[in-house]
């Protein structure tokens, strides 16, 4: 049984303005000081908490504002027909309403060694533009040595979020930003949908740097991202240079089991506090913490969003599923507590 959690992570944000970017897609803009209270990086998301019929529900929405510009904090939300939270956001929330968030998180961000790269390719489909929109603005305004290419797929011009804004940015940075808009209504079938041969053609046409100096960011439906990533790997873009953001947080049924199911202690250091929990399989580290009433950040509980990421500095954590962390992240000790189990001994984790 999980204990009730008095969550010290919660922050309140007041909605000041709502704009409809495309049918069913809205941007929620928050009060002016929100950007000062919520520290974030371009490409991250905010995880919101709301209670529906007394049941806590969490959903994460990508930040569309840029932290390097004097912009109010904003997130983009696409209405999903069977999406409880997105329907609440797009149908019910009005300017003046207060939303609760545990803050910004996510690994779909620029690397610390961004100066080592010369070009970034962005692949966005539908609402996958939301985190990429923030990153593009940040790169163009803060990293003058980088050239960017955006390949943006949507149904039509009418359904394309940020179409006008992106065209304005392209005019402002004509020497550093190339945008290819692909519409599925296009009569030219070759351009109507992104495919392997088209990616080969676009990358070879626009590539200005050696592959080791090229980054790629991919966000869209699962099959779209898989196709993009496989093709980029065929083009010899290093796997560690390719990042994806997964909006599908549905849990995956996995038969994988840890090599060790014994109970172990997890010492957790978070927000200036130290906690010790006993993790009994099949509980994950996050589940064990929730049972003790410890408020740790999380959202999907499926190994897909990265909100629960911590660094393991002692011992070993086995993960049943991972769609977020790269081999380099894991090498540096990052783990997902929502799918993580201590194995072969006690572990120590730091936020």
Protein backbone atom coordinates (compact mmCIF):
# COMPACT_ATOMS: atom_id res chain seq x y z
CA UNK A 1 0.00 0.00 0.00
CA UNK A 2 1.29 3.44 -0.94
CA UNK A 3 1.24 6.12 1.74
CA UNK A 4 -0.33 9.52 1.00
CA UNK A 5 2.40 11.85 -0.22
CA UNK A 6 2.66 15.48 0.80
CA UNK A 7 4.53 16.52 -2.31
CA UNK A 8 7.04 19.34 -1.69
CA UNK A 9 7.90 19.32 -5.40
CA UNK A 10 4.59 20.85 -6.44
CA UNK A 11 4.60 24.33 -7.93
CA UNK A 12 1.53 26.32 -8.92
CA UNK A 13 1.34 27.97 -12.34
CA UNK A 14 -1.34 30.42 -13.41
CA UNK A 15 -2.47 30.30 -17.03
CA UNK A 16 -2.49 33.81 -18.48
CA UNK A 17 -3.17 33.09 -22.14
CA UNK A 18 -4.18 30.20 -24.40
CA UNK A 19 -3.60 30.20 -28.15
CA UNK A 20 -4.80 27.65 -30.70
CA UNK A 21 -1.84 26.86 -32.95
CA UNK A 22 -3.77 24.37 -35.08
CA UNK A 23 -7.11 22.54 -34.74
CA UNK A 24 -6.90 20.52 -31.52
CA UNK A 25 -3.49 21.90 -30.56
CA UNK A 26 -3.14 24.68 -27.99
CA UNK A 27 -0.32 26.55 -26.30
CA UNK A 28 -0.73 27.40 -22.61
CA UNK A 29 1.21 30.49 -21.54
CA UNK A 30 1.90 31.08 -17.85
CA UNK A 31 2.49 34.18 -15.71
CA UNK A 32 5.61 36.23 -16.29
CA UNK A 33 7.61 35.03 -13.28
CA UNK A 34 6.95 31.34 -14.03
CA UNK A 35 10.06 31.15 -16.21
CA UNK A 36 12.11 32.33 -13.22
CA UNK A 37 10.53 29.83 -10.81
CA UNK A 38 10.72 26.85 -13.15
CA UNK A 39 14.28 26.17 -14.27
CA UNK A 40 14.33 24.28 -17.56
CA UNK A 41 16.36 23.45 -20.63
CA UNK A 42 15.18 23.62 -24.22
CA UNK A 43 13.57 20.30 -25.15
CA UNK A 44 12.29 19.47 -21.66
CA UNK A 45 8.69 19.08 -20.49
CA UNK A 46 6.55 19.95 -17.49
CA UNK A 47 4.78 17.18 -15.60
CA UNK A 48 1.35 18.27 -14.39
CA UNK A 49 -0.71 16.67 -11.65
CA UNK A 50 -4.50 16.76 -11.45
CA UNK A 51 -7.08 14.72 -9.57
CA UNK A 52 -9.92 13.19 -11.57
CA UNK A 53 -12.60 11.69 -9.32
CA UNK A 54 -10.09 11.66 -6.47
CA UNK A 55 -7.46 9.76 -8.46
CA UNK A 56 -4.09 11.42 -9.08
CA UNK A 57 -3.17 11.60 -12.75
CA UNK A 58 0.13 12.83 -14.18
CA UNK A 59 0.85 13.95 -17.72
CA UNK A 60 3.88 15.61 -19.25
CA UNK A 61 3.71 18.29 -21.93
CA UNK A 62 6.68 19.70 -23.82
CA UNK A 63 7.81 23.26 -23.20
CA UNK A 64 7.57 25.42 -26.32
CA UNK A 65 9.25 28.55 -24.95
CA UNK A 66 13.02 29.03 -25.00
CA UNK A 67 14.99 29.62 -21.79
CA UNK A 68 17.42 31.95 -23.57
CA UNK A 69 14.76 34.35 -24.83
CA UNK A 70 12.63 36.74 -22.83
CA UNK A 71 9.57 34.53 -23.32
CA UNK A 72 6.92 33.53 -20.80
CA UNK A 73 6.93 29.83 -19.90
CA UNK A 74 4.63 27.89 -22.24
CA UNK A 75 3.68 24.30 -23.08
CA UNK A 76 1.95 22.75 -26.08
CA UNK A 77 -0.95 20.30 -25.73
CA UNK A 78 -2.56 18.24 -28.48
CA UNK A 79 -6.10 17.06 -27.79
CA UNK A 80 -6.32 13.25 -27.78
CA UNK A 81 -9.85 11.91 -28.20
CA UNK A 82 -9.52 9.32 -25.43
CA UNK A 83 -6.96 11.34 -23.47
CA UNK A 84 -8.41 12.30 -20.10
CA UNK A 85 -5.76 14.88 -19.28
CA UNK A 86 -5.44 16.43 -22.75
CA UNK A 87 -9.23 16.85 -23.01
CA UNK A 88 -9.22 18.53 -19.60
CA UNK A 89 -6.46 20.89 -20.74
CA UNK A 90 -7.87 21.79 -24.14
CA UNK A 91 -11.59 21.77 -23.25
CA UNK A 92 -11.74 22.96 -19.64
CA UNK A 93 -8.70 25.03 -18.65
CA UNK A 94 -9.17 28.79 -19.05
CA UNK A 95 -6.95 31.85 -18.49
CA UNK A 96 -6.74 32.49 -14.75
CA UNK A 97 -6.83 28.80 -13.86
CA UNK A 98 -4.03 27.40 -11.68
CA UNK A 99 -2.24 24.18 -12.63
CA UNK A 100 0.12 22.12 -10.48
CA UNK A 101 3.44 20.85 -11.78
CA UNK A 102 6.41 19.02 -10.29
CA UNK A 103 8.65 21.02 -12.61
CA UNK A 104 10.74 20.44 -15.70
CA UNK A 105 12.50 17.22 -16.67
CA UNK A 106 13.60 15.26 -19.71
CA UNK A 107 16.77 14.29 -21.56
CA UNK A 108 15.78 15.54 -25.03
CA UNK A 109 18.18 18.43 -24.60
CA UNK A 110 21.33 19.90 -26.09
CA UNK A 111 24.57 18.20 -25.00
CA UNK A 112 26.99 19.98 -22.69
CA UNK A 113 29.64 19.80 -25.42
CA UNK A 114 27.40 21.52 -27.98
CA UNK A 115 30.42 23.51 -29.21
CA UNK A 116 31.81 20.28 -30.68
CA UNK A 117 28.93 20.07 -33.19
CA UNK A 118 28.30 22.09 -36.33
CA UNK A 119 24.89 20.97 -37.55
CA UNK A 120 21.60 19.64 -36.18
CA UNK A 121 18.91 17.79 -38.13
CA UNK A 122 15.42 17.87 -36.62
CA UNK A 123 12.72 15.38 -37.61
CA UNK A 124 9.25 16.27 -36.31
CA UNK A 125 5.85 14.79 -37.09
CA UNK A 126 2.60 16.32 -35.83
CA UNK A 127 2.78 17.42 -32.20
CA UNK A 128 6.39 16.21 -32.17
CA UNK A 129 7.27 19.77 -33.11
CA UNK A 130 6.67 21.02 -29.55
CA UNK A 131 10.05 20.26 -27.90
CA UNK A 132 11.89 20.81 -31.18
CA UNK A 133 10.42 24.31 -31.52
CA UNK A 134 12.06 25.27 -28.22
CA UNK A 135 15.41 23.73 -29.19
CA UNK A 136 15.50 25.43 -32.59
CA UNK A 137 14.91 28.87 -31.07
CA UNK A 138 17.60 28.22 -28.47
CA UNK A 139 20.20 27.04 -30.98
CA UNK A 140 19.66 29.92 -33.37
CA UNK A 141 19.85 32.59 -30.67
CA UNK A 142 22.56 31.11 -28.45
CA UNK A 143 24.81 28.94 -30.63
CA UNK A 144 25.74 30.97 -33.67
CA UNK A 145 28.14 28.34 -35.03
CA UNK A 146 25.41 25.75 -35.62
CA UNK A 147 23.34 25.25 -38.77
CA UNK A 148 19.91 23.65 -38.37
CA UNK A 149 17.68 21.65 -40.71
CA UNK A 150 14.04 20.99 -39.78
CA UNK A 151 12.05 18.31 -41.61
CA UNK A 152 8.48 18.73 -40.36
CA UNK A 153 5.67 16.36 -41.37
CA UNK A 154 1.99 17.15 -40.86
CA UNK A 155 -1.36 16.61 -42.53
CA UNK A 156 -1.76 20.02 -44.13
CA UNK A 157 -0.78 23.65 -43.69
CA UNK A 158 -3.93 24.21 -41.62
CA UNK A 159 -2.94 21.47 -39.15
CA UNK A 160 0.69 22.58 -38.83
CA UNK A 161 1.45 24.06 -35.41
CA UNK A 162 3.80 27.08 -35.39
CA UNK A 163 3.76 27.28 -39.19
CA UNK A 164 3.73 31.10 -39.27
CA UNK A 165 6.29 31.42 -36.46
CA UNK A 166 8.68 28.94 -38.08
CA UNK A 167 8.50 30.75 -41.40
CA UNK A 168 9.32 34.00 -39.62
CA UNK A 169 12.30 32.40 -37.88
CA UNK A 170 13.45 30.99 -41.21
CA UNK A 171 13.38 34.48 -42.74
CA UNK A 172 15.34 35.83 -39.76
CA UNK A 173 18.02 33.11 -39.98
CA UNK A 174 18.11 32.37 -43.71
CA UNK A 175 21.79 31.47 -43.60
CA UNK A 176 21.47 29.00 -40.71
CA UNK A 177 18.00 27.42 -40.84
CA UNK A 178 16.51 25.25 -43.57
CA UNK A 179 12.93 23.99 -43.22
CA UNK A 180 11.25 21.31 -45.30
CA UNK A 181 7.49 21.19 -44.67
CA UNK A 182 5.96 17.87 -45.71
CA UNK A 183 2.16 17.62 -46.01
CA UNK A 184 0.38 14.29 -46.41
CA UNK A 185 -2.16 16.07 -48.65
CA UNK A 186 0.60 16.89 -51.16
CA UNK A 187 -0.20 15.55 -54.63
CA UNK A 188 3.49 14.79 -55.04
CA UNK A 189 3.48 11.36 -53.38
CA UNK A 190 7.26 11.38 -52.91
CA UNK A 191 6.95 14.43 -50.62
CA UNK A 192 3.66 13.51 -48.96
CA UNK A 193 5.22 11.23 -46.35
CA UNK A 194 8.76 10.97 -45.05
CA UNK A 195 10.48 7.74 -46.06
CA UNK A 196 13.94 6.22 -46.10
CA UNK A 197 14.97 7.35 -49.57
CA UNK A 198 13.72 10.89 -48.90
CA UNK A 199 15.76 11.09 -45.68
CA UNK A 200 18.84 9.93 -47.59
CA UNK A 201 18.22 12.62 -50.19
CA UNK A 202 17.60 15.43 -47.66
CA UNK A 203 20.55 14.61 -45.41
CA UNK A 204 22.96 14.28 -48.33
CA UNK A 205 21.64 17.53 -49.81
CA UNK A 206 21.92 19.63 -46.65
CA UNK A 207 24.73 18.03 -44.64
CA UNK A 208 27.50 20.57 -44.00
CA UNK A 209 29.65 18.69 -41.47
CA UNK A 210 31.24 15.31 -40.93
CA UNK A 211 28.88 12.84 -39.27
CA UNK A 212 30.70 13.04 -35.92
CA UNK A 213 29.76 16.75 -35.79
CA UNK A 214 26.09 16.19 -36.65
CA UNK A 215 23.28 15.86 -34.10
CA UNK A 216 19.79 14.56 -34.84
CA UNK A 217 16.59 15.04 -32.83
CA UNK A 218 13.53 12.93 -33.64
CA UNK A 219 10.01 13.32 -32.23
CA UNK A 220 6.75 11.87 -33.54
CA UNK A 221 4.79 8.59 -33.69
CA UNK A 222 6.68 5.43 -32.74
CA UNK A 223 6.97 3.98 -36.26
CA UNK A 224 8.01 7.36 -37.66
CA UNK A 225 10.80 7.67 -35.11
CA UNK A 226 11.96 4.11 -35.66
CA UNK A 227 12.21 4.70 -39.42
CA UNK A 228 14.09 7.98 -38.94
CA UNK A 229 16.57 6.52 -36.46
CA UNK A 230 17.32 3.40 -38.53
CA UNK A 231 17.86 5.54 -41.62
CA UNK A 232 20.11 8.01 -39.81
CA UNK A 233 22.18 5.08 -38.56
CA UNK A 234 22.44 3.84 -42.15
CA UNK A 235 23.78 7.30 -43.00
CA UNK A 236 26.49 6.70 -40.37
CA UNK A 237 25.22 9.31 -37.92
CA UNK A 238 26.61 7.97 -34.61
CA UNK A 239 23.89 6.44 -32.44
CA UNK A 240 24.97 8.56 -29.48
CA UNK A 241 24.34 11.67 -31.63
CA UNK A 242 20.67 10.74 -32.18
CA UNK A 243 18.05 11.71 -29.60
CA UNK A 244 14.35 10.86 -29.56
CA UNK A 245 11.42 12.03 -27.47
CA UNK A 246 8.65 9.49 -26.94
CA UNK A 247 5.12 10.83 -26.38
CA UNK A 248 3.72 7.28 -26.15
CA UNK A 249 4.00 6.42 -22.46
CA UNK A 250 1.86 3.28 -22.48
CA UNK A 251 3.45 0.55 -20.41
CA UNK A 252 5.07 -2.28 -22.33
CA UNK A 253 4.47 -5.82 -21.16
CA UNK A 254 7.87 -7.38 -20.69
CA UNK A 255 8.84 -10.86 -19.58
CA UNK A 256 12.32 -9.74 -18.63
CA UNK A 257 13.31 -10.54 -15.05
CA UNK A 258 16.30 -9.31 -13.06
CA UNK A 259 19.23 -11.68 -12.55
CA UNK A 260 18.81 -11.23 -8.79
CA UNK A 261 15.49 -10.90 -6.94
CA UNK A 262 16.77 -10.54 -3.40
CA UNK A 263 15.65 -7.50 -1.34
CA UNK A 264 18.21 -4.70 -1.07
CA UNK A 265 18.43 -1.22 0.41
CA UNK A 266 18.29 1.84 -1.80
CA UNK A 267 19.78 4.98 -0.25
CA UNK A 268 18.20 7.93 -2.05
CA UNK A 269 19.54 11.48 -1.90
CA UNK A 270 17.06 13.97 -3.27
CA UNK A 271 16.18 17.65 -2.68
CA UNK A 272 18.54 17.93 0.29
CA UNK A 273 17.07 14.87 2.01
CA UNK A 274 18.35 11.33 2.53
CA UNK A 275 16.04 8.32 2.49
CA UNK A 276 16.52 4.57 2.81
CA UNK A 277 13.98 2.15 1.39
CA UNK A 278 13.98 -1.62 1.14
CA UNK A 279 13.20 -2.74 -2.40
CA UNK A 280 11.46 -6.09 -2.53
CA UNK A 281 11.00 -7.57 -6.00
CA UNK A 282 8.76 -7.14 -7.99
CA UNK A 283 8.60 -3.57 -6.62
CA UNK A 284 10.73 -1.04 -8.45
CA UNK A 285 12.81 1.54 -6.58
CA UNK A 286 10.13 4.14 -7.31
CA UNK A 287 7.35 1.84 -6.09
CA UNK A 288 9.22 1.17 -2.85
CA UNK A 289 9.67 4.91 -2.31
CA UNK A 290 5.98 5.58 -2.97
CA UNK A 291 5.04 2.93 -0.41
CA UNK A 292 7.04 4.91 2.15
CA UNK A 293 5.35 8.17 1.20
CA UNK A 294 8.53 9.62 -0.35
CA UNK A 295 7.88 12.20 -3.06
CA UNK A 296 10.19 11.49 -5.98
CA UNK A 297 9.72 12.84 -9.51
CA UNK A 298 8.02 10.52 -12.00
CA UNK A 299 5.43 10.55 -14.73
CA UNK A 300 4.99 7.60 -17.10
CA UNK A 301 6.16 4.72 -14.83
CA UNK A 302 6.98 2.88 -18.06
CA UNK A 303 10.65 3.62 -18.74
CA UNK A 304 9.79 6.03 -21.54
CA UNK A 305 9.89 9.64 -20.32
CA UNK A 306 12.99 9.98 -18.13
CA UNK A 307 11.29 12.01 -15.40
CA UNK A 308 12.43 9.56 -12.72
CA UNK A 309 16.09 9.53 -13.80
CA UNK A 310 18.69 9.39 -11.01
CA UNK A 311 22.41 8.67 -10.90
CA UNK A 312 23.58 5.42 -9.30
CA UNK A 313 26.87 6.04 -7.47
CA UNK A 314 27.08 2.71 -5.67
CA UNK A 315 25.90 -0.76 -6.59
CA UNK A 316 24.01 -1.87 -9.68
CA UNK A 317 20.48 -1.13 -10.90
CA UNK A 318 18.87 -3.47 -13.44
CA UNK A 319 16.14 -1.94 -15.63
CA UNK A 320 13.31 -3.99 -17.09
CA UNK A 321 12.72 -1.47 -19.89
CA UNK A 322 14.42 1.63 -21.24
CA UNK A 323 13.53 3.87 -24.17
CA UNK A 324 15.17 7.00 -22.80
CA UNK A 325 18.74 6.50 -21.67
CA UNK A 326 21.52 6.17 -24.21
CA UNK A 327 24.47 3.80 -23.72
CA UNK A 328 26.51 6.87 -22.76
CA UNK A 329 23.90 7.87 -20.14
CA UNK A 330 24.00 4.38 -18.63
CA UNK A 331 27.80 4.39 -18.68
CA UNK A 332 27.64 7.59 -16.61
CA UNK A 333 25.43 5.87 -14.03
CA UNK A 334 21.99 7.17 -14.99
CA UNK A 335 19.08 4.86 -14.18
CA UNK A 336 15.28 4.96 -14.36
CA UNK A 337 13.80 4.33 -10.92
CA UNK A 338 10.35 3.52 -12.33
CA UNK A 339 11.69 0.33 -13.94
CA UNK A 340 14.82 -0.10 -11.82
CA UNK A 341 15.63 -2.89 -9.37
CA UNK A 342 18.78 -3.17 -7.21
CA UNK A 343 20.73 -6.33 -8.00
CA UNK A 344 23.67 -8.01 -6.26
CA UNK A 345 23.66 -5.58 -3.34
CA UNK A 346 22.55 -2.25 -1.93
CA UNK A 347 22.52 0.86 -4.12
CA UNK A 348 23.00 4.59 -3.66
CA UNK A 349 21.09 7.04 -5.84
CA UNK A 350 21.38 10.79 -6.32
CA UNK A 351 19.01 13.14 -8.15
